[in-house]
Amino acid sequence: MRALANLYNPLVNLAERLAPATLPTLARFTFAATLLGYFWASALTKTGDGVLGIFQPSLGAYAQIFPKAMEAASYDVGQLGLFHWAVVVAGTLAEFILPLLITVGLLTRLAALGMIGFVAVQSLTDLYGHGGIDQPETLGAWFDRIPDSVILDQRLFWMVVLVTLLLKGAGPLSVDRLLGIR
């Protein structure tokens, strides 16, 4: 057993020395490789035409973010107010800006916190606004040996990456480190 410990301990020590640099860098890489494209594609579905299309959200943007309000308004955006427009524009901007900040490692902790809030609101909208709460396969369940539900399983993995960045920061290969931002 001592021989095994003599092999194991140096490996653990090396892992502990590498973790402060490796873990946040790996979390940012994982986010960029799996979620950056997802959020940007989602944001693009919400923009109107042209350069200023972000300030003229598409019908789909309102339907995605305010499904019940859109249904009540018979999908007539004109019946919604300034509040709805501001939330849609802010949400769309967040889908572009926060993932970019995480990917380059700028204001990473703040961006990760924003994304945690964004994912929480997105999940609640999916569950209650789009009826996912009534679809067990969408909601899923933890500890059920089926790891592919959209809400509980996938979003838990997203949260682990985001919480890692919130707690550890961006790591050594980041704009934060370049600028000396903690």
C-alpha atoms as a PDB file:
ATOM      1  CA  MET A   1       0.000   0.000   0.000  1.00  0.00           C
ATOM      2  CA  ARG A   2       2.908   2.324   0.778  1.00  0.00           C
ATOM      3  CA  ALA A   3       4.252   1.855  -2.779  1.00  0.00           C
ATOM      4  CA  LEU A   4       0.869   2.909  -4.168  1.00  0.00           C
ATOM      5  CA  ALA A   5       0.839   5.986  -1.921  1.00  0.00           C
ATOM      6  CA  ASN A   6       4.381   6.835  -3.064  1.00  0.00           C
ATOM      7  CA  LEU A   7       3.147   6.863  -6.670  1.00  0.00           C
ATOM      8  CA  TYR A   8      -0.142   8.564  -5.921  1.00  0.00           C
ATOM      9  CA  ASN A   9       0.988  11.445  -3.697  1.00  0.00           C
ATOM     10  CA  PRO A  10       3.368  13.109  -6.187  1.00  0.00           C
ATOM     11  CA  LEU A  11       0.649  12.978  -8.853  1.00  0.00           C
ATOM     12  CA  VAL A  12      -1.843  14.602  -6.497  1.00  0.00           C
ATOM     13  CA  ASN A  13       0.697  17.272  -5.555  1.00  0.00           C
ATOM     14  CA  LEU A  14       1.309  18.031  -9.232  1.00  0.00           C
ATOM     15  CA  ALA A  15      -2.430  18.223  -9.906  1.00  0.00           C
ATOM     16  CA  GLU A  16      -2.886  20.631  -6.991  1.00  0.00           C
ATOM     17  CA  ARG A  17      -0.085  22.864  -8.299  1.00  0.00           C
ATOM     18  CA  LEU A  18      -1.566  22.904 -11.821  1.00  0.00           C
ATOM     19  CA  ALA A  19      -5.214  23.359 -10.786  1.00  0.00           C
ATOM     20  CA  PRO A  20      -5.163  27.160 -10.240  1.00  0.00           C
ATOM     21  CA  ALA A  21      -4.096  27.717 -13.854  1.00  0.00           C
ATOM     22  CA  THR A  22      -5.670  24.714 -15.514  1.00  0.00           C
ATOM     23  CA  LEU A  23      -9.167  24.671 -14.029  1.00  0.00           C
ATOM     24  CA  PRO A  24     -10.336  28.185 -15.032  1.00  0.00           C
ATOM     25  CA  THR A  25      -8.662  27.955 -18.428  1.00  0.00           C
ATOM     26  CA  LEU A  26     -10.319  24.599 -19.053  1.00  0.00           C
ATOM     27  CA  ALA A  27     -13.681  26.013 -17.887  1.00  0.00           C
ATOM     28  CA  ARG A  28     -13.385  28.934 -20.347  1.00  0.00           C
ATOM     29  CA  PHE A  29     -12.356  26.570 -23.146  1.00  0.00           C
ATOM     30  CA  THR A  30     -15.314  24.300 -22.364  1.00  0.00           C
ATOM     31  CA  PHE A  31     -17.675  27.283 -22.373  1.00  0.00           C
ATOM     32  CA  ALA A  32     -16.308  28.574 -25.684  1.00  0.00           C
ATOM     33  CA  ALA A  33     -16.328  25.127 -27.309  1.00  0.00           C
ATOM     34  CA  THR A  34     -19.864  24.219 -26.268  1.00  0.00           C
ATOM     35  CA  LEU A  35     -21.911  27.288 -25.311  1.00  0.00           C
ATOM     36  CA  LEU A  36     -20.550  30.359 -27.133  1.00  0.00           C
ATOM     37  CA  GLY A  37     -22.049  29.255 -30.457  1.00  0.00           C
ATOM     38  CA  TYR A  38     -25.282  28.199 -28.756  1.00  0.00           C
ATOM     39  CA  PHE A  39     -25.860  31.597 -27.168  1.00  0.00           C
ATOM     40  CA  TRP A  40     -24.792  33.593 -30.229  1.00  0.00           C
ATOM     41  CA  ALA A  41     -27.052  31.536 -32.507  1.00  0.00           C
ATOM     42  CA  SER A  42     -29.899  32.102 -30.069  1.00  0.00           C
ATOM     43  CA  ALA A  43     -29.194  35.843 -29.984  1.00  0.00           C
ATOM     44  CA  LEU A  44     -29.155  36.021 -33.786  1.00  0.00           C
ATOM     45  CA  THR A  45     -32.699  34.632 -33.894  1.00  0.00           C
ATOM     46  CA  LYS A  46     -33.807  37.613 -31.837  1.00  0.00           C
ATOM     47  CA  THR A  47     -32.392  40.431 -33.948  1.00  0.00           C
ATOM     48  CA  GLY A  48     -34.196  42.336 -36.677  1.00  0.00           C
ATOM     49  CA  ASP A  49     -32.741  43.266 -40.033  1.00  0.00           C
ATOM     50  CA  GLY A  50     -29.752  45.518 -40.547  1.00  0.00           C
ATOM     51  CA  VAL A  51     -26.968  46.885 -38.411  1.00  0.00           C
ATOM     52  CA  LEU A  52     -29.346  48.218 -35.768  1.00  0.00           C
ATOM     53  CA  GLY A  53     -31.489  45.085 -35.823  1.00  0.00           C
ATOM     54  CA  ILE A  54     -30.640  44.411 -32.209  1.00  0.00           C
ATOM     55  CA  PHE A  55     -32.816  47.399 -31.293  1.00  0.00           C
ATOM     56  CA  GLN A  56     -35.655  46.129 -33.495  1.00  0.00           C
ATOM     57  CA  PRO A  57     -36.157  42.637 -32.092  1.00  0.00           C
ATOM     58  CA  SER A  58     -37.811  39.968 -34.181  1.00  0.00           C
ATOM     59  CA  LEU A  59     -41.239  38.546 -33.435  1.00  0.00           C
ATOM     60  CA  GLY A  60     -39.451  35.362 -32.374  1.00  0.00           C
ATOM     61  CA  ALA A  61     -37.500  37.277 -29.742  1.00  0.00           C
ATOM     62  CA  TYR A  62     -40.682  38.316 -27.985  1.00  0.00           C
ATOM     63  CA  ALA A  63     -42.159  34.830 -28.389  1.00  0.00           C
ATOM     64  CA  GLN A  64     -39.057  33.204 -26.877  1.00  0.00           C
ATOM     65  CA  ILE A  65     -38.764  35.559 -23.921  1.00  0.00           C
ATOM     66  CA  PHE A  66     -42.439  36.357 -23.239  1.00  0.00           C
ATOM     67  CA  PRO A  67     -44.344  33.345 -24.602  1.00  0.00           C
ATOM     68  CA  LYS A  68     -47.496  33.789 -22.544  1.00  0.00           C
ATOM     69  CA  ALA A  69     -47.662  37.561 -23.086  1.00  0.00           C
ATOM     70  CA  MET A  70     -47.263  37.060 -26.834  1.00  0.00           C
ATOM     71  CA  GLU A  71     -49.995  34.443 -26.876  1.00  0.00           C
ATOM     72  CA  ALA A  72     -52.295  36.773 -24.916  1.00  0.00           C
ATOM     73  CA  ALA A  73     -51.506  39.569 -27.409  1.00  0.00           C
ATOM     74  CA  SER A  74     -52.240  37.249 -30.375  1.00  0.00           C
ATOM     75  CA  TYR A  75     -48.564  37.591 -31.364  1.00  0.00           C
ATOM     76  CA  ASP A  76     -48.981  41.322 -32.004  1.00  0.00           C
ATOM     77  CA  VAL A  77     -45.817  42.969 -30.664  1.00  0.00           C
ATOM     78  CA  GLY A  78     -47.539  46.356 -30.845  1.00  0.00           C
ATOM     79  CA  GLN A  79     -49.673  45.340 -27.875  1.00  0.00           C
ATOM     80  CA  LEU A  80     -46.605  44.929 -25.676  1.00  0.00           C
ATOM     81  CA  GLY A  81     -44.954  47.884 -23.982  1.00  0.00           C
ATOM     82  CA  LEU A  82     -41.581  49.507 -23.489  1.00  0.00           C
ATOM     83  CA  PHE A  83     -40.783  47.114 -20.634  1.00  0.00           C
ATOM     84  CA  HIS A  84     -41.066  44.092 -22.936  1.00  0.00           C
ATOM     85  CA  TRP A  85     -38.892  45.759 -25.586  1.00  0.00           C
ATOM     86  CA  ALA A  86     -36.226  46.688 -23.008  1.00  0.00           C
ATOM     87  CA  VAL A  87     -36.098  43.157 -21.578  1.00  0.00           C
ATOM     88  CA  VAL A  88     -35.823  41.606 -25.050  1.00  0.00           C
ATOM     89  CA  VAL A  89     -33.058  44.005 -26.117  1.00  0.00           C
ATOM     90  CA  ALA A  90     -31.178  43.561 -22.818  1.00  0.00           C
ATOM     91  CA  GLY A  91     -31.487  39.773 -23.039  1.00  0.00           C
ATOM     92  CA  THR A  92     -30.275  39.753 -26.630  1.00  0.00           C
ATOM     93  CA  LEU A  93     -27.312  41.987 -25.807  1.00  0.00           C
ATOM     94  CA  ALA A  94     -26.505  39.740 -22.853  1.00  0.00           C
ATOM     95  CA  GLU A  95     -26.478  36.681 -25.136  1.00  0.00           C
ATOM     96  CA  PHE A  96     -23.856  38.362 -27.309  1.00  0.00           C
ATOM     97  CA  ILE A  97     -21.741  40.193 -24.727  1.00  0.00           C
ATOM     98  CA  LEU A  98     -21.536  37.882 -21.694  1.00  0.00           C
ATOM     99  CA  PRO A  99     -20.335  34.797 -23.637  1.00  0.00           C
ATOM    100  CA  LEU A 100     -17.759  36.946 -25.450  1.00  0.00           C
ATOM    101  CA  LEU A 101     -16.443  38.319 -22.146  1.00  0.00           C
ATOM    102  CA  ILE A 102     -16.116  34.805 -20.747  1.00  0.00           C
ATOM    103  CA  THR A 103     -14.406  33.495 -23.865  1.00  0.00           C
ATOM    104  CA  VAL A 104     -11.714  36.194 -23.914  1.00  0.00           C
ATOM    105  CA  GLY A 105     -11.493  36.279 -20.132  1.00  0.00           C
ATOM    106  CA  LEU A 106     -12.506  39.898 -19.518  1.00  0.00           C
ATOM    107  CA  LEU A 107     -14.449  40.717 -16.353  1.00  0.00           C
ATOM    108  CA  THR A 108     -14.899  36.963 -16.162  1.00  0.00           C
ATOM    109  CA  ARG A 109     -16.356  36.687 -12.678  1.00  0.00           C
ATOM    110  CA  LEU A 110     -18.944  39.375 -13.391  1.00  0.00           C
ATOM    111  CA  ALA A 111     -19.780  37.820 -16.780  1.00  0.00           C
ATOM    112  CA  ALA A 112     -20.098  34.357 -15.200  1.00  0.00           C
ATOM    113  CA  LEU A 113     -22.440  35.753 -12.549  1.00  0.00           C
ATOM    114  CA  GLY A 114     -24.508  37.386 -15.302  1.00  0.00           C
ATOM    115  CA  MET A 115     -24.630  34.105 -17.226  1.00  0.00           C
ATOM    116  CA  ILE A 116     -25.709  32.211 -14.103  1.00  0.00           C
ATOM    117  CA  GLY A 117     -28.634  34.606 -13.758  1.00  0.00           C
ATOM    118  CA  PHE A 118     -29.328  34.394 -17.478  1.00  0.00           C
ATOM    119  CA  VAL A 119     -29.393  30.581 -17.467  1.00  0.00           C
ATOM    120  CA  ALA A 120     -31.651  30.567 -14.392  1.00  0.00           C
ATOM    121  CA  VAL A 121     -34.153  32.910 -16.092  1.00  0.00           C
ATOM    122  CA  GLN A 122     -33.848  30.952 -19.352  1.00  0.00           C
ATOM    123  CA  SER A 123     -34.572  27.698 -17.516  1.00  0.00           C
ATOM    124  CA  LEU A 124     -37.590  29.133 -15.695  1.00  0.00           C
ATOM    125  CA  THR A 125     -38.928  30.531 -18.977  1.00  0.00           C
ATOM    126  CA  ASP A 126     -38.449  27.145 -20.638  1.00  0.00           C
ATOM    127  CA  LEU A 127     -40.231  25.396 -17.787  1.00  0.00           C
ATOM    128  CA  TYR A 128     -43.106  27.766 -17.074  1.00  0.00           C
ATOM    129  CA  GLY A 129     -43.401  29.923 -20.184  1.00  0.00           C
ATOM    130  CA  HIS A 130     -42.960  27.187 -22.770  1.00  0.00           C
ATOM    131  CA  GLY A 131     -44.575  24.368 -20.790  1.00  0.00           C
ATOM    132  CA  GLY A 132     -41.449  22.322 -20.096  1.00  0.00           C
ATOM    133  CA  ILE A 133     -42.626  21.706 -16.553  1.00  0.00           C
ATOM    134  CA  ASP A 134     -45.320  19.455 -18.019  1.00  0.00           C
ATOM    135  CA  GLN A 135     -42.809  17.491 -20.109  1.00  0.00           C
ATOM    136  CA  PRO A 136     -40.818  15.102 -17.909  1.00  0.00           C
ATOM    137  CA  GLU A 137     -38.292  14.402 -20.681  1.00  0.00           C
ATOM    138  CA  THR A 138     -37.487  18.125 -20.924  1.00  0.00           C
ATOM    139  CA  LEU A 139     -37.272  18.722 -17.189  1.00  0.00           C
ATOM    140  CA  GLY A 140     -35.481  15.451 -16.524  1.00  0.00           C
ATOM    141  CA  ALA A 141     -34.409  14.145 -13.156  1.00  0.00           C
ATOM    142  CA  TRP A 142     -31.099  13.850 -11.396  1.00  0.00           C
ATOM    143  CA  PHE A 143     -29.797  10.448 -10.367  1.00  0.00           C
ATOM    144  CA  ASP A 144     -31.966   8.711 -12.979  1.00  0.00           C
ATOM    145  CA  ARG A 145     -29.120   7.230 -15.110  1.00  0.00           C
ATOM    146  CA  ILE A 146     -30.343   9.228 -18.148  1.00  0.00           C
ATOM    147  CA  PRO A 147     -27.974  12.213 -18.531  1.00  0.00           C
ATOM    148  CA  ASP A 148     -29.554  14.127 -21.402  1.00  0.00           C
ATOM    149  CA  SER A 149     -32.519  16.101 -20.118  1.00  0.00           C
ATOM    150  CA  VAL A 150     -32.458  19.696 -21.321  1.00  0.00           C
ATOM    151  CA  ILE A 151     -33.105  21.442 -18.022  1.00  0.00           C
ATOM    152  CA  LEU A 152     -31.799  19.568 -14.996  1.00  0.00           C
ATOM    153  CA  ASP A 153     -28.932  17.622 -16.603  1.00  0.00           C
ATOM    154  CA  GLN A 154     -27.540  19.946 -19.277  1.00  0.00           C
ATOM    155  CA  ARG A 155     -27.960  23.137 -17.324  1.00  0.00           C
ATOM    156  CA  LEU A 156     -26.278  21.619 -14.272  1.00  0.00           C
ATOM    157  CA  PHE A 157     -23.151  21.092 -16.386  1.00  0.00           C
ATOM    158  CA  TRP A 158     -23.424  24.696 -17.617  1.00  0.00           C
ATOM    159  CA  MET A 159     -23.668  25.906 -14.029  1.00  0.00           C
ATOM    160  CA  VAL A 160     -20.602  23.931 -12.943  1.00  0.00           C
ATOM    161  CA  VAL A 161     -18.552  25.655 -15.654  1.00  0.00           C
ATOM    162  CA  LEU A 162     -19.967  29.076 -14.764  1.00  0.00           C
ATOM    163  CA  VAL A 163     -19.569  28.645 -11.001  1.00  0.00           C
ATOM    164  CA  THR A 164     -15.965  27.534 -11.569  1.00  0.00           C
ATOM    165  CA  LEU A 165     -15.330  30.807 -13.417  1.00  0.00           C
ATOM    166  CA  LEU A 166     -17.147  32.812 -10.771  1.00  0.00           C
ATOM    167  CA  LEU A 167     -15.023  31.309  -7.990  1.00  0.00           C
ATOM    168  CA  LYS A 168     -11.670  30.909  -9.770  1.00  0.00           C
ATOM    169  CA  GLY A 169     -11.669  33.767 -12.274  1.00  0.00           C
ATOM    170  CA  ALA A 170     -10.407  33.561 -15.841  1.00  0.00           C
ATOM    171  CA  GLY A 171      -7.037  31.931 -15.314  1.00  0.00           C
ATOM    172  CA  PRO A 172      -3.617  32.921 -16.636  1.00  0.00           C
ATOM    173  CA  LEU A 173      -4.491  33.039 -20.350  1.00  0.00           C
ATOM    174  CA  SER A 174      -6.983  35.884 -20.179  1.00  0.00           C
ATOM    175  CA  VAL A 175      -7.485  39.583 -20.681  1.00  0.00           C
ATOM    176  CA  ASP A 176      -8.230  39.836 -16.958  1.00  0.00           C
ATOM    177  CA  ARG A 177      -4.709  38.608 -16.159  1.00  0.00           C
ATOM    178  CA  LEU A 178      -3.203  40.863 -18.834  1.00  0.00           C
ATOM    179  CA  LEU A 179      -4.924  43.901 -17.303  1.00  0.00           C
ATOM    180  CA  GLY A 180      -4.297  42.795 -13.711  1.00  0.00           C
ATOM    181  CA  ILE A 181      -8.021  42.404 -12.926  1.00  0.00           C
ATOM    182  CA  ARG A 182      -8.875  40.032 -10.102  1.00  0.00           C
END
